[in-house]
């Protein structure tokens, strides 16, 4: 077992109760889904409601992740916003969405975050534009929890478009 894997917090903090059929992490109940499930829901919503589905997926993911990280902030020792961003980016990597790297971080104005080997882009066939609204929403939620301000995240590069990584520019409002 690699040193990185041995120190992975999820492994130590996830609690499985087979009698209840329940998995818990950070006092929240989890379910296990494949990485395909969220893009599949997104694609079906696109068929039904069109491009509005992109906004709905983005905002819904943002709200869910924001609530999660707001709960985390209450339960951890005092950290600077920059330390929280680095800690939470690492935590999102541990969730399995890809390797999250903060490239440029100005929590007053904005910056750039990259995701390498993202788990969602590969489920979209022949896209004409970036498709990672799920990941963009998750990053928005993380940043809003940290800054307590409105944040907009836009994907500028996408692995679905044969880029080497997905790149997200964010702006603090």
C-alpha atoms as a PDB file:
ATOM      1  CA  UNK A   1       0.000   0.000   0.000  1.00  0.00           C
ATOM      2  CA  UNK A   2       1.439   3.378  -1.002  1.00  0.00           C
ATOM      3  CA  UNK A   3       2.143   6.020   1.633  1.00  0.00           C
ATOM      4  CA  UNK A   4      -0.459   8.322   0.052  1.00  0.00           C
ATOM      5  CA  UNK A   5      -3.133   5.625   0.152  1.00  0.00           C
ATOM      6  CA  UNK A   6      -2.271   4.692   3.742  1.00  0.00           C
ATOM      7  CA  UNK A   7      -2.859   8.277   4.901  1.00  0.00           C
ATOM      8  CA  UNK A   8      -6.064   8.818   2.944  1.00  0.00           C
ATOM      9  CA  UNK A   9      -8.606  10.292   5.377  1.00  0.00           C
ATOM     10  CA  UNK A  10     -11.688   8.793   3.744  1.00  0.00           C
ATOM     11  CA  UNK A  11     -10.396   5.345   4.555  1.00  0.00           C
ATOM     12  CA  UNK A  12     -10.197   6.229   8.254  1.00  0.00           C
ATOM     13  CA  UNK A  13     -13.372   8.283   8.513  1.00  0.00           C
ATOM     14  CA  UNK A  14     -15.977   6.352   6.511  1.00  0.00           C
ATOM     15  CA  UNK A  15     -18.164   4.187   8.735  1.00  0.00           C
ATOM     16  CA  UNK A  16     -20.152   1.283   7.322  1.00  0.00           C
ATOM     17  CA  UNK A  17     -22.986  -0.171   9.382  1.00  0.00           C
ATOM     18  CA  UNK A  18     -24.095  -3.384   7.635  1.00  0.00           C
ATOM     19  CA  UNK A  19     -27.044  -3.893  10.004  1.00  0.00           C
ATOM     20  CA  UNK A  20     -28.592  -0.615   8.829  1.00  0.00           C
ATOM     21  CA  UNK A  21     -27.188  -0.775   5.287  1.00  0.00           C
ATOM     22  CA  UNK A  22     -25.690   2.629   5.963  1.00  0.00           C
ATOM     23  CA  UNK A  23     -22.428   4.370   5.061  1.00  0.00           C
ATOM     24  CA  UNK A  24     -21.551   7.590   6.937  1.00  0.00           C
ATOM     25  CA  UNK A  25     -18.806  10.152   6.501  1.00  0.00           C
ATOM     26  CA  UNK A  26     -18.595  13.455   8.379  1.00  0.00           C
ATOM     27  CA  UNK A  27     -21.969  12.656   9.969  1.00  0.00           C
ATOM     28  CA  UNK A  28     -23.639  12.485   6.557  1.00  0.00           C
ATOM     29  CA  UNK A  29     -25.147   9.408   4.979  1.00  0.00           C
ATOM     30  CA  UNK A  30     -23.548   8.371   1.703  1.00  0.00           C
ATOM     31  CA  UNK A  31     -24.641   6.204  -1.164  1.00  0.00           C
ATOM     32  CA  UNK A  32     -22.293   4.662  -3.693  1.00  0.00           C
ATOM     33  CA  UNK A  33     -22.883   5.557  -7.325  1.00  0.00           C
ATOM     34  CA  UNK A  34     -20.670   5.094 -10.338  1.00  0.00           C
ATOM     35  CA  UNK A  35     -19.164   8.226 -11.877  1.00  0.00           C
ATOM     36  CA  UNK A  36     -21.543   7.616 -14.792  1.00  0.00           C
ATOM     37  CA  UNK A  37     -24.708   8.322 -12.775  1.00  0.00           C
ATOM     38  CA  UNK A  38     -24.489  12.119 -12.484  1.00  0.00           C
ATOM     39  CA  UNK A  39     -23.591  12.711 -16.153  1.00  0.00           C
ATOM     40  CA  UNK A  40     -26.392  10.318 -17.093  1.00  0.00           C
ATOM     41  CA  UNK A  41     -28.908  12.386 -15.110  1.00  0.00           C
ATOM     42  CA  UNK A  42     -27.496  15.564 -16.677  1.00  0.00           C
ATOM     43  CA  UNK A  43     -27.816  14.150 -20.211  1.00  0.00           C
ATOM     44  CA  UNK A  44     -31.421  13.060 -19.624  1.00  0.00           C
ATOM     45  CA  UNK A  45     -32.259  16.513 -18.264  1.00  0.00           C
ATOM     46  CA  UNK A  46     -30.701  18.056 -21.396  1.00  0.00           C
ATOM     47  CA  UNK A  47     -33.048  15.933 -23.532  1.00  0.00           C
ATOM     48  CA  UNK A  48     -36.083  17.028 -21.508  1.00  0.00           C
ATOM     49  CA  UNK A  49     -35.464  20.708 -20.732  1.00  0.00           C
ATOM     50  CA  UNK A  50     -32.582  21.636 -23.021  1.00  0.00           C
ATOM     51  CA  UNK A  51     -29.665  23.909 -22.097  1.00  0.00           C
ATOM     52  CA  UNK A  52     -31.407  25.010 -18.884  1.00  0.00           C
ATOM     53  CA  UNK A  53     -30.264  21.625 -17.541  1.00  0.00           C
ATOM     54  CA  UNK A  54     -26.670  22.922 -17.532  1.00  0.00           C
ATOM     55  CA  UNK A  55     -27.617  25.738 -15.169  1.00  0.00           C
ATOM     56  CA  UNK A  56     -29.715  23.459 -12.970  1.00  0.00           C
ATOM     57  CA  UNK A  57     -26.950  20.855 -12.615  1.00  0.00           C
ATOM     58  CA  UNK A  58     -24.354  23.576 -11.929  1.00  0.00           C
ATOM     59  CA  UNK A  59     -26.456  25.338  -9.274  1.00  0.00           C
ATOM     60  CA  UNK A  60     -27.677  22.122  -7.624  1.00  0.00           C
ATOM     61  CA  UNK A  61     -24.155  20.732  -7.273  1.00  0.00           C
ATOM     62  CA  UNK A  62     -22.973  24.113  -5.993  1.00  0.00           C
ATOM     63  CA  UNK A  63     -25.625  24.236  -3.283  1.00  0.00           C
ATOM     64  CA  UNK A  64     -25.000  20.667  -2.114  1.00  0.00           C
ATOM     65  CA  UNK A  65     -21.225  21.091  -1.889  1.00  0.00           C
ATOM     66  CA  UNK A  66     -21.548  24.520  -0.285  1.00  0.00           C
ATOM     67  CA  UNK A  67     -23.713  23.069   2.498  1.00  0.00           C
ATOM     68  CA  UNK A  68     -21.268  20.214   3.003  1.00  0.00           C
ATOM     69  CA  UNK A  69     -18.221  22.490   3.311  1.00  0.00           C
ATOM     70  CA  UNK A  70     -20.058  25.000   5.520  1.00  0.00           C
ATOM     71  CA  UNK A  71     -20.604  22.110   7.919  1.00  0.00           C
ATOM     72  CA  UNK A  72     -16.931  21.213   7.709  1.00  0.00           C
ATOM     73  CA  UNK A  73     -15.827  24.765   8.472  1.00  0.00           C
ATOM     74  CA  UNK A  74     -17.849  24.678  11.713  1.00  0.00           C
ATOM     75  CA  UNK A  75     -16.134  21.473  12.811  1.00  0.00           C
ATOM     76  CA  UNK A  76     -12.463  22.201  12.096  1.00  0.00           C
ATOM     77  CA  UNK A  77      -9.869  24.377  13.711  1.00  0.00           C
ATOM     78  CA  UNK A  78      -9.563  27.962  12.534  1.00  0.00           C
ATOM     79  CA  UNK A  79      -7.814  28.208   9.154  1.00  0.00           C
ATOM     80  CA  UNK A  80      -7.231  31.019   6.693  1.00  0.00           C
ATOM     81  CA  UNK A  81      -9.374  31.070   3.557  1.00  0.00           C
ATOM     82  CA  UNK A  82      -6.316  30.017   1.533  1.00  0.00           C
ATOM     83  CA  UNK A  83      -5.660  27.051   3.842  1.00  0.00           C
ATOM     84  CA  UNK A  84      -9.322  26.049   3.610  1.00  0.00           C
ATOM     85  CA  UNK A  85      -9.199  26.200  -0.199  1.00  0.00           C
ATOM     86  CA  UNK A  86      -6.116  23.965  -0.346  1.00  0.00           C
ATOM     87  CA  UNK A  87      -7.564  21.566   2.236  1.00  0.00           C
ATOM     88  CA  UNK A  88     -10.933  21.362   0.485  1.00  0.00           C
ATOM     89  CA  UNK A  89      -9.340  20.936  -2.980  1.00  0.00           C
ATOM     90  CA  UNK A  90      -7.436  17.972  -1.561  1.00  0.00           C
ATOM     91  CA  UNK A  91     -10.648  16.628  -0.052  1.00  0.00           C
ATOM     92  CA  UNK A  92     -12.413  16.903  -3.426  1.00  0.00           C
ATOM     93  CA  UNK A  93      -9.521  14.951  -4.977  1.00  0.00           C
ATOM     94  CA  UNK A  94     -10.125  12.287  -2.343  1.00  0.00           C
ATOM     95  CA  UNK A  95     -13.787  12.126  -3.400  1.00  0.00           C
ATOM     96  CA  UNK A  96     -12.571  10.718  -6.708  1.00  0.00           C
ATOM     97  CA  UNK A  97     -13.617  13.502  -9.079  1.00  0.00           C
ATOM     98  CA  UNK A  98     -10.032  13.865 -10.349  1.00  0.00           C
ATOM     99  CA  UNK A  99      -6.883  15.565  -9.117  1.00  0.00           C
ATOM    100  CA  UNK A 100      -7.886  19.101  -8.169  1.00  0.00           C
ATOM    101  CA  UNK A 101      -5.084  21.658  -8.478  1.00  0.00           C
ATOM    102  CA  UNK A 102      -5.338  25.308  -7.497  1.00  0.00           C
ATOM    103  CA  UNK A 103      -3.314  27.170 -10.135  1.00  0.00           C
ATOM    104  CA  UNK A 104      -4.105  30.776  -9.213  1.00  0.00           C
ATOM    105  CA  UNK A 105      -5.873  31.740  -5.999  1.00  0.00           C
ATOM    106  CA  UNK A 106      -7.063  35.229  -5.152  1.00  0.00           C
ATOM    107  CA  UNK A 107     -10.067  34.874  -2.851  1.00  0.00           C
ATOM    108  CA  UNK A 108     -10.907  38.553  -3.250  1.00  0.00           C
ATOM    109  CA  UNK A 109     -11.045  38.529  -7.076  1.00  0.00           C
ATOM    110  CA  UNK A 110     -10.823  35.048  -8.582  1.00  0.00           C
ATOM    111  CA  UNK A 111      -8.438  32.515  -9.995  1.00  0.00           C
ATOM    112  CA  UNK A 112      -7.953  29.243 -11.843  1.00  0.00           C
ATOM    113  CA  UNK A 113      -8.468  25.643 -10.758  1.00  0.00           C
ATOM    114  CA  UNK A 114      -7.589  22.611 -12.859  1.00  0.00           C
ATOM    115  CA  UNK A 115      -8.914  19.085 -12.613  1.00  0.00           C
ATOM    116  CA  UNK A 116      -6.770  16.337 -14.101  1.00  0.00           C
ATOM    117  CA  UNK A 117      -8.288  12.970 -14.983  1.00  0.00           C
ATOM    118  CA  UNK A 118     -11.788  14.168 -14.120  1.00  0.00           C
ATOM    119  CA  UNK A 119     -14.378  11.457 -13.703  1.00  0.00           C
ATOM    120  CA  UNK A 120     -17.306  13.012 -15.602  1.00  0.00           C
ATOM    121  CA  UNK A 121     -16.123  14.329 -18.978  1.00  0.00           C
ATOM    122  CA  UNK A 122     -15.653  10.913 -20.614  1.00  0.00           C
ATOM    123  CA  UNK A 123     -19.389  10.127 -20.489  1.00  0.00           C
ATOM    124  CA  UNK A 124     -20.263  12.838 -23.011  1.00  0.00           C
ATOM    125  CA  UNK A 125     -20.032  11.857 -26.685  1.00  0.00           C
ATOM    126  CA  UNK A 126     -18.819  14.397 -29.249  1.00  0.00           C
ATOM    127  CA  UNK A 127     -19.444  17.567 -27.243  1.00  0.00           C
ATOM    128  CA  UNK A 128     -19.100  20.955 -28.912  1.00  0.00           C
ATOM    129  CA  UNK A 129     -18.419  22.825 -25.665  1.00  0.00           C
ATOM    130  CA  UNK A 130     -17.076  22.076 -22.172  1.00  0.00           C
ATOM    131  CA  UNK A 131     -19.360  19.651 -20.316  1.00  0.00           C
ATOM    132  CA  UNK A 132     -18.197  19.603 -16.694  1.00  0.00           C
ATOM    133  CA  UNK A 133     -21.107  21.515 -15.153  1.00  0.00           C
ATOM    134  CA  UNK A 134     -21.103  19.057 -12.235  1.00  0.00           C
ATOM    135  CA  UNK A 135     -17.476  19.779 -11.346  1.00  0.00           C
ATOM    136  CA  UNK A 136     -17.891  23.522 -11.958  1.00  0.00           C
ATOM    137  CA  UNK A 137     -20.838  23.532  -9.559  1.00  0.00           C
ATOM    138  CA  UNK A 138     -18.874  21.623  -6.943  1.00  0.00           C
ATOM    139  CA  UNK A 139     -16.031  24.155  -7.176  1.00  0.00           C
ATOM    140  CA  UNK A 140     -18.528  27.036  -6.915  1.00  0.00           C
ATOM    141  CA  UNK A 141     -19.993  25.522  -3.742  1.00  0.00           C
ATOM    142  CA  UNK A 142     -16.564  24.994  -2.207  1.00  0.00           C
ATOM    143  CA  UNK A 143     -15.491  28.571  -2.938  1.00  0.00           C
ATOM    144  CA  UNK A 144     -18.765  30.105  -1.706  1.00  0.00           C
ATOM    145  CA  UNK A 145     -18.509  28.170   1.565  1.00  0.00           C
ATOM    146  CA  UNK A 146     -14.993  29.526   2.082  1.00  0.00           C
ATOM    147  CA  UNK A 147     -15.505  33.151   1.016  1.00  0.00           C
ATOM    148  CA  UNK A 148     -19.153  33.575   2.063  1.00  0.00           C
ATOM    149  CA  UNK A 149     -19.584  35.500  -1.211  1.00  0.00           C
ATOM    150  CA  UNK A 150     -21.205  34.780  -4.540  1.00  0.00           C
ATOM    151  CA  UNK A 151     -18.843  33.005  -6.934  1.00  0.00           C
ATOM    152  CA  UNK A 152     -19.131  32.214 -10.640  1.00  0.00           C
ATOM    153  CA  UNK A 153     -17.144  29.329 -12.107  1.00  0.00           C
ATOM    154  CA  UNK A 154     -16.754  28.787 -15.841  1.00  0.00           C
ATOM    155  CA  UNK A 155     -15.006  25.881 -17.498  1.00  0.00           C
ATOM    156  CA  UNK A 156     -12.598  27.185 -20.130  1.00  0.00           C
ATOM    157  CA  UNK A 157     -10.806  23.956 -21.067  1.00  0.00           C
ATOM    158  CA  UNK A 158     -12.307  20.486 -21.008  1.00  0.00           C
ATOM    159  CA  UNK A 159     -10.824  17.032 -21.394  1.00  0.00           C
ATOM    160  CA  UNK A 160     -13.964  16.112 -23.379  1.00  0.00           C
ATOM    161  CA  UNK A 161     -12.623  18.532 -26.021  1.00  0.00           C
ATOM    162  CA  UNK A 162      -9.220  16.780 -26.016  1.00  0.00           C
ATOM    163  CA  UNK A 163      -7.565  19.266 -23.636  1.00  0.00           C
ATOM    164  CA  UNK A 164      -4.955  17.840 -21.193  1.00  0.00           C
ATOM    165  CA  UNK A 165      -7.093  18.897 -18.198  1.00  0.00           C
ATOM    166  CA  UNK A 166     -10.303  20.674 -17.323  1.00  0.00           C
ATOM    167  CA  UNK A 167      -9.647  24.281 -16.365  1.00  0.00           C
ATOM    168  CA  UNK A 168     -12.078  26.427 -14.432  1.00  0.00           C
ATOM    169  CA  UNK A 169     -11.819  30.204 -14.021  1.00  0.00           C
ATOM    170  CA  UNK A 170     -13.651  31.588 -11.031  1.00  0.00           C
ATOM    171  CA  UNK A 171     -14.691  35.108 -10.143  1.00  0.00           C
ATOM    172  CA  UNK A 172     -15.622  36.350  -6.681  1.00  0.00           C
ATOM    173  CA  UNK A 173     -18.605  38.718  -6.890  1.00  0.00           C
END
